[in-house]
Amino acid sequence: MVLVTESKISISVFFPCHNEEGAIETLTRQTLEVLSSISDDFEVIIVNDGSTDNTAQIADTLARDNPRIRVVHHPHNLGYGGALQSGFRAATKEWVFYTDGDGQFDINELPGLLDLTEKFDIITCYRINRRESWLRKFNGWAWGRLVCFVFNFKLRDIDCAFKLYRREIFDRIQMKSMGALIDTEILARAQRAGFTMTQRGVTHLPRTTGQQSGAKLKVILRAFKELFKLRRDILSDSPK
């Protein structure tokens, strides 16, 4: 783990969660340990996106036990985009990082991104070895190539849930997507607004609890439907 001792970062970390009772407590406690080693100014935000298991109760207990933890509850499931929007809007620190609440990424790799914050506004990571089925890997590859073509990105993994942003970005861009297009929207609007970005590889771990939802047909079809609408919307806006 890289320890930042001279110039400690001001950082918000949040997790979008939907039915992640089996992973959220361990992830939150690990995150607190990591953040304590790199910052004196941090917060952890759990976004409970209408979970029907015990995610909400676990999150509330964690928040009661530690004032650095806050919980945002959605009364019903708004979707991945809605959860990310809530997390970014709730963040109060200079930088904001998110990873999914399912524990498929190693939060200990977060400090390794900090050297890049001196030169870039966004650090968007890519999964070095995706621990998923061949179908999900193929879908991810095909979607990524399409998105890179449409928005002129040179990114390896658009939807990798291990990203670090300068928080002021969210004061200057809109977020409209409530579904799977949210990562694409944020990166495209930020690029259009002149923010800089870079990439770094991170470890991808097998899911041990919960169920994946991103590969559902209705999620995929909605993302395709919204993609070109998003491009028209972004190109119609003048860069700020």
Foldseek 3Di string as FASTA:
>chain_A
DDAADPDAFAEEEEAEDAQQVPFQVVVVVQLVVLNVRRHPHYAYEYEYQAHPDCPVVSLVVVCVVDVRYYYHYDVHHLEPLVSVVVRLVPDDIQKYKYAYRQPFFDSNCVVVCVVCVVPFFKEDEDAPDAPDDPVVVVVQQVVVVVLCVLQVDPDDGQQHRTMMGRSCLVVFFDQDDSYDCRSSLSVSLSVQLPGGYDYDYGHTHDGDDDDDDCPDPVRVVVNVVCRVVSSVVSVVDHHD
